[in-house]
Amino acid sequence: MYVGEYFTLQAGGSSVGSENEKDVSANSIKSVKAVFRPGKLIRNALKLASFQKKS
């Protein structure tokens, strides 16, 4: 999913490999995750960010 210059969301995952197509099933999936990639606006905002230790 592309959200303009803000960010991109992408689905990713991993599975167990198999030599035969018949051995592949939903149980072969090990993990599924959402991958967040900041766009230009967020990357530029992070460059301007400053941090302070709270006392």
C-alpha atoms as a PDB file:
ATOM      1  CA  MET A   1       0.000   0.000   0.000  1.00  0.00           C
ATOM      2  CA  TYR A   2       1.482   3.319  -1.089  1.00  0.00           C
ATOM      3  CA  VAL A   3       0.330   6.353   0.898  1.00  0.00           C
ATOM      4  CA  GLY A   4       1.766   9.256  -1.064  1.00  0.00           C
ATOM      5  CA  GLU A   5       4.928  10.767   0.318  1.00  0.00           C
ATOM      6  CA  TYR A   6       4.093   9.578   3.833  1.00  0.00           C
ATOM      7  CA  PHE A   7       4.851   5.849   3.865  1.00  0.00           C
ATOM      8  CA  THR A   8       4.576   2.469   2.157  1.00  0.00           C
ATOM      9  CA  LEU A   9       3.203  -0.700   3.763  1.00  0.00           C
ATOM     10  CA  GLN A  10       4.227  -4.034   2.320  1.00  0.00           C
ATOM     11  CA  ALA A  11       3.312  -7.580   3.347  1.00  0.00           C
ATOM     12  CA  GLY A  12       6.176  -9.996   3.926  1.00  0.00           C
ATOM     13  CA  GLY A  13       6.659 -13.451   5.308  1.00  0.00           C
ATOM     14  CA  SER A  14       8.610 -16.675   5.328  1.00  0.00           C
ATOM     15  CA  SER A  15       7.787 -20.320   4.871  1.00  0.00           C
ATOM     16  CA  VAL A  16       9.274 -23.787   5.010  1.00  0.00           C
ATOM     17  CA  GLY A  17      10.585 -24.958   1.645  1.00  0.00           C
ATOM     18  CA  SER A  18       9.331 -28.132   0.017  1.00  0.00           C
ATOM     19  CA  GLU A  19      10.392 -30.103  -3.045  1.00  0.00           C
ATOM     20  CA  ASN A  20       6.860 -31.175  -3.972  1.00  0.00           C
ATOM     21  CA  GLU A  21       3.860 -28.927  -4.601  1.00  0.00           C
ATOM     22  CA  LYS A  22       1.569 -31.391  -2.826  1.00  0.00           C
ATOM     23  CA  ASP A  23       3.559 -30.947   0.410  1.00  0.00           C
ATOM     24  CA  VAL A  24       2.849 -27.182   0.506  1.00  0.00           C
ATOM     25  CA  SER A  25      -0.036 -26.037   2.719  1.00  0.00           C
ATOM     26  CA  ALA A  26      -0.987 -23.223   5.100  1.00  0.00           C
ATOM     27  CA  ASN A  27       1.075 -25.056   7.738  1.00  0.00           C
ATOM     28  CA  SER A  28       4.201 -24.282   5.675  1.00  0.00           C
ATOM     29  CA  ILE A  29       3.938 -20.584   6.592  1.00  0.00           C
ATOM     30  CA  LYS A  30       6.330 -19.671   9.434  1.00  0.00           C
ATOM     31  CA  SER A  31       5.637 -15.946   9.797  1.00  0.00           C
ATOM     32  CA  VAL A  32       3.735 -13.031   8.283  1.00  0.00           C
ATOM     33  CA  LYS A  33       4.560  -9.398   8.945  1.00  0.00           C
ATOM     34  CA  ALA A  34       3.836  -5.857   7.795  1.00  0.00           C
ATOM     35  CA  VAL A  35       6.873  -3.924   6.569  1.00  0.00           C
ATOM     36  CA  PHE A  36       6.746  -0.145   7.170  1.00  0.00           C
ATOM     37  CA  ARG A  37       8.889   2.080   4.981  1.00  0.00           C
ATOM     38  CA  PRO A  38       8.837   5.796   5.746  1.00  0.00           C
ATOM     39  CA  GLY A  39       8.345   8.165   2.824  1.00  0.00           C
ATOM     40  CA  LYS A  40      10.106  11.455   2.119  1.00  0.00           C
ATOM     41  CA  LEU A  41       8.017  13.515   4.543  1.00  0.00           C
ATOM     42  CA  ILE A  42       8.623  11.226   7.513  1.00  0.00           C
ATOM     43  CA  ARG A  43      12.341  10.737   6.712  1.00  0.00           C
ATOM     44  CA  ASN A  44      12.821  14.507   6.484  1.00  0.00           C
ATOM     45  CA  ALA A  45      10.919  15.068   9.747  1.00  0.00           C
ATOM     46  CA  LEU A  46      13.152  12.536  11.513  1.00  0.00           C
ATOM     47  CA  LYS A  47      16.249  14.407  10.310  1.00  0.00           C
ATOM     48  CA  LEU A  48      14.958  17.536  12.073  1.00  0.00           C
ATOM     49  CA  ALA A  49      14.012  15.767  15.301  1.00  0.00           C
ATOM     50  CA  SER A  50      15.949  16.525  18.461  1.00  0.00           C
ATOM     51  CA  PHE A  51      15.958  14.605  21.719  1.00  0.00           C
ATOM     52  CA  GLN A  52      16.481  15.578  25.338  1.00  0.00           C
ATOM     53  CA  LYS A  53      16.957  13.538  28.468  1.00  0.00           C
ATOM     54  CA  LYS A  54      13.998  13.964  30.784  1.00  0.00           C
ATOM     55  CA  SER A  55      15.034  14.679  34.363  1.00  0.00           C
END
